[in-house]
Each structure stands twice: as C-alpha cells, then as structure tokens.
Amino acid sequence: MRMMIDDLGFAQIERVRFNLGLSKEDMSSLLGVSRQTYYNWSHGGSIKEAHRVLARLTEVANVVRDYDWSSVAATKTTSAQRKHELLALLDGEQ
C-alpha cells in the first residue's frame, strides 16, 4: 500500500530531524531510506513502506524519550556523531 508522505506528516519528520540536529542525509540513513527517497518526500513524493518508516520513527522517539537525549546530543558535535549514537542506542549497543 502506497501512502502520500503527507499522511506521515513530512513536516513532523523534518521537525524531528531538526530537533535531533541531524542532516537530511543522516536522517535518511537513520530511517533506512536513500537520500533520493528523502528528497522526493520533501517534494511531496509518495512512500511505499509507510508502516516501516513509522515504526522506525517510533523507535527513535522511544530512544530520545528513554535517554536524556539533550545531554547525549550536547556531547556530539556533528550530525554524523549524533546519528551514530542514535543507531547505537537503537541497536542496543549502549
């Protein structure tokens, strides 16, 4: 089932990205999609596996909620470092 990105709330995804201090490239990696897919979403493109992206966003939200993300992010100076930390937390490495 294909859904329009508006159904997912792309503006909300961008707000999350901004609040996490991630680049668009790092956010696309975190969500498991290509940069081109993320770019297409930003221009109103559709998404095939909306349920998978929503599940990943939920995982990210849970990590941010469960850890003091503001203190974690403060120690990570680049978007790539913040993405790496989020991935480690999502994968249960820390």
C-alpha atoms as a PDB file:
ATOM      1  CA  MET A   1       0.000   0.000   0.000  1.00  0.00           C
ATOM      2  CA  ARG A   2       1.376   3.374  -1.007  1.00  0.00           C
ATOM      3  CA  MET A   3       0.670   6.401   1.084  1.00  0.00           C
ATOM      4  CA  MET A   4       1.483  10.016   0.411  1.00  0.00           C
ATOM      5  CA  ILE A   5       4.169  11.411   2.641  1.00  0.00           C
ATOM      6  CA  ASP A   6       1.594  13.952   3.869  1.00  0.00           C
ATOM      7  CA  ASP A   7      -0.114  11.015   5.601  1.00  0.00           C
ATOM      8  CA  LEU A   8       3.124  10.511   7.527  1.00  0.00           C
ATOM      9  CA  GLY A   9       3.495  14.203   8.258  1.00  0.00           C
ATOM     10  CA  PHE A  10       6.733  15.078   6.500  1.00  0.00           C
ATOM     11  CA  ALA A  11       6.796  18.423   8.329  1.00  0.00           C
ATOM     12  CA  GLN A  12       6.849  16.459  11.579  1.00  0.00           C
ATOM     13  CA  ILE A  13       9.670  14.252  10.308  1.00  0.00           C
ATOM     14  CA  GLU A  14      11.628  17.386   9.446  1.00  0.00           C
ATOM     15  CA  ARG A  15      10.920  18.835  12.875  1.00  0.00           C
ATOM     16  CA  VAL A  16      12.266  15.666  14.489  1.00  0.00           C
ATOM     17  CA  ARG A  17      15.329  15.828  12.243  1.00  0.00           C
ATOM     18  CA  PHE A  18      15.942  19.450  13.167  1.00  0.00           C
ATOM     19  CA  ASN A  19      15.456  18.817  16.890  1.00  0.00           C
ATOM     20  CA  LEU A  20      17.895  15.901  16.779  1.00  0.00           C
ATOM     21  CA  GLY A  21      20.414  18.064  14.943  1.00  0.00           C
ATOM     22  CA  LEU A  22      20.707  15.658  12.033  1.00  0.00           C
ATOM     23  CA  SER A  23      21.456  16.395   8.405  1.00  0.00           C
ATOM     24  CA  LYS A  24      18.956  15.209   5.805  1.00  0.00           C
ATOM     25  CA  GLU A  25      21.452  12.564   4.740  1.00  0.00           C
ATOM     26  CA  ASP A  26      21.842  11.287   8.304  1.00  0.00           C
ATOM     27  CA  MET A  27      18.079  11.300   8.876  1.00  0.00           C
ATOM     28  CA  SER A  28      17.508   9.305   5.686  1.00  0.00           C
ATOM     29  CA  SER A  29      20.130   6.793   6.848  1.00  0.00           C
ATOM     30  CA  LEU A  30      18.538   6.579  10.285  1.00  0.00           C
ATOM     31  CA  LEU A  31      15.164   5.840   8.656  1.00  0.00           C
ATOM     32  CA  GLY A  32      16.695   3.292   6.297  1.00  0.00           C
ATOM     33  CA  VAL A  33      15.915   5.119   3.063  1.00  0.00           C
ATOM     34  CA  SER A  34      18.092   6.672   0.383  1.00  0.00           C
ATOM     35  CA  ARG A  35      18.873  10.377   0.208  1.00  0.00           C
ATOM     36  CA  GLN A  36      16.919  10.481  -3.053  1.00  0.00           C
ATOM     37  CA  THR A  37      13.853   8.996  -1.375  1.00  0.00           C
ATOM     38  CA  TYR A  38      14.094  11.555   1.424  1.00  0.00           C
ATOM     39  CA  TYR A  39      14.458  14.339  -1.156  1.00  0.00           C
ATOM     40  CA  ASN A  40      11.399  13.042  -3.003  1.00  0.00           C
ATOM     41  CA  TRP A  41       9.387  13.078   0.235  1.00  0.00           C
ATOM     42  CA  SER A  42      10.359  16.691   0.790  1.00  0.00           C
ATOM     43  CA  HIS A  43       8.850  17.472  -2.596  1.00  0.00           C
ATOM     44  CA  GLY A  44       5.600  15.605  -1.987  1.00  0.00           C
ATOM     45  CA  GLY A  45       6.642  12.200  -3.267  1.00  0.00           C
ATOM     46  CA  SER A  46       4.971   9.000  -2.155  1.00  0.00           C
ATOM     47  CA  ILE A  47       6.412   6.319   0.063  1.00  0.00           C
ATOM     48  CA  LYS A  48       5.901   2.590  -0.373  1.00  0.00           C
ATOM     49  CA  GLU A  49       6.552   1.159   3.090  1.00  0.00           C
ATOM     50  CA  ALA A  50       4.991   3.816   5.296  1.00  0.00           C
ATOM     51  CA  HIS A  51       4.467   1.368   8.154  1.00  0.00           C
ATOM     52  CA  ARG A  52       8.218   0.585   8.292  1.00  0.00           C
ATOM     53  CA  VAL A  53       9.176   4.272   8.369  1.00  0.00           C
ATOM     54  CA  LEU A  54       6.591   4.994  11.048  1.00  0.00           C
ATOM     55  CA  ALA A  55       7.896   2.073  13.099  1.00  0.00           C
ATOM     56  CA  ARG A  56      11.433   3.422  12.847  1.00  0.00           C
ATOM     57  CA  LEU A  57      10.288   6.914  13.853  1.00  0.00           C
ATOM     58  CA  THR A  58       8.600   5.358  16.866  1.00  0.00           C
ATOM     59  CA  GLU A  59      11.842   3.604  17.792  1.00  0.00           C
ATOM     60  CA  VAL A  60      13.729   6.903  17.505  1.00  0.00           C
ATOM     61  CA  ALA A  61      11.122   8.673  19.649  1.00  0.00           C
ATOM     62  CA  ASN A  62      11.412   5.960  22.298  1.00  0.00           C
ATOM     63  CA  VAL A  63      15.202   6.262  22.417  1.00  0.00           C
ATOM     64  CA  VAL A  64      15.004  10.038  22.708  1.00  0.00           C
ATOM     65  CA  ARG A  65      12.434   9.655  25.481  1.00  0.00           C
ATOM     66  CA  ASP A  66      14.242   6.885  27.360  1.00  0.00           C
ATOM     67  CA  TYR A  67      17.669   8.536  27.309  1.00  0.00           C
ATOM     68  CA  ASP A  68      18.497  12.096  28.240  1.00  0.00           C
ATOM     69  CA  TRP A  69      18.977  12.950  24.592  1.00  0.00           C
ATOM     70  CA  SER A  70      19.766  16.629  25.222  1.00  0.00           C
ATOM     71  CA  SER A  71      22.864  15.672  27.228  1.00  0.00           C
ATOM     72  CA  VAL A  72      23.836  12.948  24.723  1.00  0.00           C
ATOM     73  CA  ALA A  73      23.458  15.315  21.778  1.00  0.00           C
ATOM     74  CA  ALA A  74      25.391  18.057  23.557  1.00  0.00           C
ATOM     75  CA  THR A  75      28.479  15.829  23.609  1.00  0.00           C
ATOM     76  CA  LYS A  76      28.191  15.002  19.917  1.00  0.00           C
ATOM     77  CA  THR A  77      29.331  17.912  17.791  1.00  0.00           C
ATOM     78  CA  THR A  78      28.426  16.672  14.328  1.00  0.00           C
ATOM     79  CA  SER A  79      25.333  15.265  12.722  1.00  0.00           C
ATOM     80  CA  ALA A  80      27.225  12.076  11.876  1.00  0.00           C
ATOM     81  CA  GLN A  81      28.209  11.606  15.537  1.00  0.00           C
ATOM     82  CA  ARG A  82      24.606  12.119  16.667  1.00  0.00           C
ATOM     83  CA  LYS A  83      23.378   9.645  14.043  1.00  0.00           C
ATOM     84  CA  HIS A  84      25.992   7.104  15.135  1.00  0.00           C
ATOM     85  CA  GLU A  85      24.902   7.488  18.766  1.00  0.00           C
ATOM     86  CA  LEU A  86      21.219   7.072  17.856  1.00  0.00           C
ATOM     87  CA  LEU A  87      21.982   3.985  15.788  1.00  0.00           C
ATOM     88  CA  ALA A  88      23.992   2.510  18.651  1.00  0.00           C
ATOM     89  CA  LEU A  89      21.122   3.145  21.056  1.00  0.00           C
ATOM     90  CA  LEU A  90      18.560   1.748  18.599  1.00  0.00           C
ATOM     91  CA  ASP A  91      20.650  -1.374  18.125  1.00  0.00           C
ATOM     92  CA  GLY A  92      21.049  -1.797  21.880  1.00  0.00           C
ATOM     93  CA  GLU A  93      24.802  -1.363  21.817  1.00  0.00           C
ATOM     94  CA  GLN A  94      24.757   1.000  24.778  1.00  0.00           C
END
